[in-house]
Amino acid sequence: GEVGRTWRQIPRREVLKWSVAAAGTALTWSVTARTKLWRYVSPQAVLNSVVPVSSSPAQAAQDGLREEVFEFLDGIESSGGLRVGDFPMGLEWLNSKPLSMKKELKGKLLLLDFWTYCCINCMHVLPDLAYLEETYASDAFAVVGVHSAKFDNEQLSSQIRAAVLRYDIAHPVVNDPDMRLWQRLGIDSWPTFALVSPRSGKLIAKLSGEGHRSDLDALIPIALDYYAQDLDARPVSVVLERDK
């Protein structure tokens, strides 16, 4: 009978049928096991790995090459650059009402901080953000934290709010649990800073990891000079969680 047959005795069509079924089962298991990993990957991230978003303006600014930064920004504004797009609708915000790059943040040199509260490196850069916020408080410069959870339990706004209070974060924070902005910009690590043009909403520079205070402190004033005619220095309204 069937039980006693060796694989050599089984018709090729039947072998093929069972091979396809086994491969399908294995593929289904593999995709299911990796579903959460795909939250962190996007077509833009894959593209960035091949043609990285340049952080050269930050390095040029550090080196005092003002004209080189201006030329780089000319290129971004005239033909190149990734358009960031506005924040997705319906997200929960902390320290402010929902903000829009087309309204409240229009005319601002915007620094997005992609972070998650269980990331120790993200906590290490908070003093850098506080420094930049204080240094450029009277300029058309704004910081928004984009909370992009690594684990499911980090997606809760109540947990993020506790972290905002614990670490005394004073800039607006948006909870993006589905990591839509992360995927749109091709972010691939925590923390990552993304500097956005106040003119076109394009990505100017992307810097990942710690140790970028001096890079940003050199680049921001040059970018503010470059975009001087596009700026609106009126402060963004915040309502800090600690005052509620």
Protein backbone atom coordinates (compact mmCIF):
# COMPACT_ATOMS: atom_id res chain seq x y z
CA GLY A 1 0.00 0.00 0.00
CA GLU A 2 0.75 3.69 0.37
CA VAL A 3 2.71 3.28 3.60
CA GLY A 4 5.19 0.85 2.14
CA ARG A 5 6.17 2.94 -0.88
CA THR A 6 9.64 4.45 -1.06
CA TRP A 7 10.09 7.96 -2.46
CA ARG A 8 11.34 6.41 -5.72
CA GLN A 9 7.99 4.66 -6.15
CA ILE A 10 5.87 7.79 -5.62
CA PRO A 11 4.78 9.44 -8.87
CA ARG A 12 6.71 12.62 -9.71
CA ARG A 13 3.48 14.66 -9.83
CA GLU A 14 2.65 13.65 -6.26
CA VAL A 15 6.17 14.45 -5.06
CA LEU A 16 5.90 17.88 -6.69
CA LYS A 17 2.49 18.49 -5.10
CA TRP A 18 3.74 17.71 -1.60
CA SER A 19 6.94 19.70 -2.14
CA VAL A 20 4.95 22.78 -3.13
CA ALA A 21 2.66 22.33 -0.12
CA ALA A 22 5.64 22.00 2.23
CA ALA A 23 7.31 25.06 0.72
CA GLY A 24 4.09 27.02 1.11
CA THR A 25 3.79 26.02 4.75
CA ALA A 26 7.39 26.98 5.43
CA LEU A 27 6.93 30.32 3.68
CA THR A 28 3.76 31.05 5.66
CA TRP A 29 5.56 30.31 8.92
CA SER A 30 8.54 32.41 7.90
CA VAL A 31 6.42 35.42 6.94
CA THR A 32 4.36 35.13 10.11
CA ALA A 33 7.47 34.92 12.28
CA ARG A 34 8.92 38.01 10.63
CA THR A 35 5.80 40.14 10.32
CA LYS A 36 6.82 42.50 13.11
CA LEU A 37 10.26 42.96 11.64
CA TRP A 38 8.71 44.41 8.48
CA ARG A 39 7.35 47.31 10.53
CA TYR A 40 10.90 48.61 10.62
CA VAL A 41 11.57 48.17 6.90
CA SER A 42 10.22 50.20 4.02
CA PRO A 43 10.98 50.63 0.31
CA GLN A 44 12.54 53.99 1.19
CA ALA A 45 14.83 52.33 3.76
CA VAL A 46 15.96 49.84 1.11
CA LEU A 47 16.55 52.72 -1.31
CA ASN A 48 18.49 54.63 1.35
CA SER A 49 20.75 51.63 1.85
CA VAL A 50 21.68 51.80 -1.84
CA VAL A 51 21.66 55.58 -2.25
CA PRO A 52 21.98 56.95 1.31
CA VAL A 53 20.37 60.25 2.28
CA SER A 54 23.37 62.51 2.59
CA SER A 55 24.47 63.89 5.92
CA SER A 56 27.13 65.91 4.09
CA PRO A 57 25.62 69.33 4.90
CA ALA A 58 26.12 68.63 8.59
CA GLN A 59 29.75 67.68 8.00
CA ALA A 60 30.29 70.66 5.73
CA ALA A 61 28.81 72.96 8.36
CA GLN A 62 31.13 71.44 10.96
CA ASP A 63 34.03 72.18 8.65
CA GLY A 64 32.90 75.78 8.22
CA LEU A 65 32.06 75.34 4.55
CA ARG A 66 29.08 77.68 4.42
CA GLU A 67 29.05 77.98 0.63
CA GLU A 68 29.14 74.22 0.23
CA VAL A 69 26.09 73.89 2.46
CA PHE A 70 24.31 76.58 0.43
CA GLU A 71 25.12 74.72 -2.79
CA PHE A 72 23.86 71.46 -1.30
CA LEU A 73 20.59 73.11 -0.25
CA ASP A 74 20.28 74.68 -3.71
CA GLY A 75 20.39 71.19 -5.15
CA ILE A 76 17.82 69.86 -2.69
CA GLU A 77 15.40 72.68 -3.42
CA SER A 78 15.84 72.74 -7.20
CA SER A 79 15.69 69.09 -8.12
CA GLY A 80 16.60 66.54 -5.49
CA GLY A 81 15.46 65.58 -2.06
CA LEU A 82 12.82 63.43 -0.45
CA ARG A 83 9.58 65.22 0.40
CA VAL A 84 8.73 64.40 4.02
CA GLY A 85 4.97 64.98 3.86
CA ASP A 86 2.72 65.88 6.75
CA PHE A 87 2.06 63.90 9.91
CA PRO A 88 -0.58 61.19 9.43
CA MET A 89 -4.05 62.16 10.60
CA GLY A 90 -5.51 60.74 13.78
CA LEU A 91 -2.30 60.30 15.77
CA GLU A 92 -2.11 61.15 19.47
CA TRP A 93 0.04 64.10 20.52
CA LEU A 94 1.73 65.01 23.80
CA ASN A 95 2.87 68.47 24.92
CA SER A 96 0.77 70.09 22.17
CA LYS A 97 -2.37 69.81 20.11
CA PRO A 98 -1.99 67.97 16.77
CA LEU A 99 0.45 69.89 14.57
CA SER A 100 0.71 70.16 10.81
CA MET A 101 3.67 71.06 8.62
CA LYS A 102 1.21 72.99 6.46
CA LYS A 103 -0.13 75.09 9.34
CA GLU A 104 1.49 75.40 12.79
CA LEU A 105 4.93 74.25 11.60
CA LYS A 106 4.90 76.11 8.29
CA GLY A 107 7.95 78.33 7.98
CA LYS A 108 9.88 76.36 10.59
CA LEU A 109 13.21 74.62 10.19
CA LEU A 110 11.95 71.36 11.66
CA LEU A 111 13.99 68.72 13.44
CA LEU A 112 12.26 65.34 13.78
CA ASP A 113 13.60 63.03 16.48
CA PHE A 114 12.70 59.38 15.82
CA TRP A 115 12.85 57.70 19.21
CA THR A 116 11.33 55.11 21.50
CA TYR A 117 11.33 55.36 25.27
CA CYS A 118 12.98 51.98 25.96
CA CYS A 119 16.02 52.97 23.88
CA ILE A 120 18.85 54.14 26.13
CA ASN A 121 20.57 55.91 23.22
CA CYS A 122 17.37 57.90 22.67
CA MET A 123 17.55 59.05 26.27
CA HIS A 124 21.20 60.03 25.88
CA VAL A 125 20.39 62.55 23.10
CA LEU A 126 17.64 64.35 25.04
CA PRO A 127 20.15 66.86 26.53
CA ASP A 128 21.30 67.62 22.97
CA LEU A 129 17.72 68.37 21.93
CA ALA A 130 17.16 70.53 25.01
CA TYR A 131 20.33 72.45 24.19
CA LEU A 132 19.25 73.06 20.59
CA GLU A 133 15.76 74.11 21.65
CA GLU A 134 17.18 76.62 24.12
CA THR A 135 19.87 77.91 21.74
CA TYR A 136 17.43 78.55 18.90
CA ALA A 137 14.37 79.39 20.98
CA SER A 138 13.97 82.80 19.33
CA ASP A 139 14.47 81.45 15.80
CA ALA A 140 12.11 79.71 13.40
CA PHE A 141 13.28 76.33 14.63
CA ALA A 142 11.14 73.56 16.08
CA VAL A 143 11.64 70.04 17.40
CA VAL A 144 9.04 67.28 17.22
CA GLY A 145 9.64 63.86 18.71
CA VAL A 146 8.23 61.06 16.57
CA HIS A 147 7.73 58.13 18.90
CA SER A 148 8.21 54.96 16.86
CA ALA A 149 7.77 51.96 19.14
CA LYS A 150 10.13 49.03 18.88
CA PHE A 151 7.91 46.73 20.97
CA ASP A 152 4.12 46.48 21.24
CA ASN A 153 3.98 47.66 24.86
CA GLU A 154 5.74 50.89 23.84
CA GLN A 155 2.86 51.90 21.57
CA LEU A 156 0.58 53.07 24.39
CA SER A 157 0.32 56.85 24.66
CA SER A 158 -0.03 56.54 28.45
CA GLN A 159 3.39 54.87 28.62
CA ILE A 160 4.92 57.46 26.31
CA ARG A 161 3.39 60.25 28.43
CA ALA A 162 5.01 58.73 31.53
CA ALA A 163 8.37 58.83 29.75
CA VAL A 164 7.77 62.45 28.64
CA LEU A 165 7.16 63.37 32.29
CA ARG A 166 10.01 61.24 33.63
CA TYR A 167 12.60 62.76 31.28
CA ASP A 168 11.09 66.27 31.32
CA ILE A 169 10.67 66.41 27.54
CA ALA A 170 9.42 69.89 26.63
CA HIS A 171 8.85 69.64 22.86
CA PRO A 172 5.81 68.21 21.07
CA VAL A 173 5.75 64.43 20.72
CA VAL A 174 3.58 62.47 18.30
CA ASN A 175 2.84 58.79 18.81
CA ASP A 176 3.20 56.99 15.47
CA PRO A 177 2.57 53.36 16.52
CA ASP A 178 2.36 52.04 12.96
CA MET A 179 5.64 53.80 12.10
CA ARG A 180 4.19 55.43 9.01
CA LEU A 181 6.53 58.43 9.06
CA TRP A 182 9.46 56.13 9.88
CA GLN A 183 8.71 54.06 6.79
CA ARG A 184 8.07 57.08 4.57
CA LEU A 185 11.51 58.51 5.34
CA GLY A 186 13.30 55.16 5.38
CA ILE A 187 14.47 55.49 8.99
CA ASP A 188 16.29 52.37 10.15
CA SER A 189 17.56 52.98 13.68
CA TRP A 190 16.88 54.73 16.98
CA PRO A 191 17.55 57.57 17.50
CA THR A 192 17.56 59.31 14.14
CA PHE A 193 17.36 63.05 13.51
CA ALA A 194 15.74 64.31 10.31
CA LEU A 195 16.05 68.00 9.42
CA VAL A 196 13.24 69.30 7.20
CA SER A 197 13.26 72.29 4.83
CA PRO A 198 10.87 75.11 5.77
CA ARG A 199 10.46 75.95 2.08
CA SER A 200 9.65 72.66 0.40
CA GLY A 201 9.21 70.18 3.24
CA LYS A 202 12.08 68.12 1.83
CA LEU A 203 14.58 66.17 3.89
CA ILE A 204 17.78 68.19 4.30
CA ALA A 205 19.83 65.82 6.42
CA LYS A 206 19.47 62.58 8.35
CA LEU A 207 21.76 61.74 11.26
CA SER A 208 21.54 58.49 13.22
CA GLY A 209 22.88 57.63 16.65
CA GLU A 210 24.44 59.75 19.37
CA GLY A 211 27.01 62.54 19.23
CA HIS A 212 25.45 64.91 16.71
CA ARG A 213 24.94 68.01 18.87
CA SER A 214 27.87 69.86 17.31
CA ASP A 215 26.86 68.78 13.78
CA LEU A 216 23.36 70.19 14.21
CA ASP A 217 24.58 73.24 16.09
CA ALA A 218 26.78 74.06 13.10
CA LEU A 219 24.18 73.26 10.43
CA ILE A 220 21.08 74.90 11.93
CA PRO A 221 22.27 78.55 11.83
CA ILE A 222 23.51 78.15 8.25
CA ALA A 223 20.17 76.63 7.22
CA LEU A 224 18.32 79.44 8.99
CA ASP A 225 20.35 81.96 6.98
CA TYR A 226 19.72 80.09 3.75
CA TYR A 227 15.96 79.95 4.32
CA ALA A 228 15.70 83.44 5.82
CA GLN A 229 12.95 84.52 3.39
CA ASP A 230 10.85 81.44 4.13
CA LEU A 231 10.79 81.57 7.91
CA ASP A 232 8.07 82.27 10.44
CA ALA A 233 9.61 82.79 13.87
CA ARG A 234 6.35 82.79 15.79
CA PRO A 235 6.65 80.09 18.49
CA VAL A 236 4.76 76.83 18.27
CA SER A 237 2.13 76.61 20.98
CA VAL A 238 2.84 73.89 23.54
CA VAL A 239 0.88 72.67 26.53
CA LEU A 240 3.33 70.61 28.57
CA GLU A 241 2.08 67.38 30.08
CA ARG A 242 3.57 68.35 33.43
CA ASP A 243 1.29 71.39 33.54
CA LYS A 244 -1.91 69.46 32.89
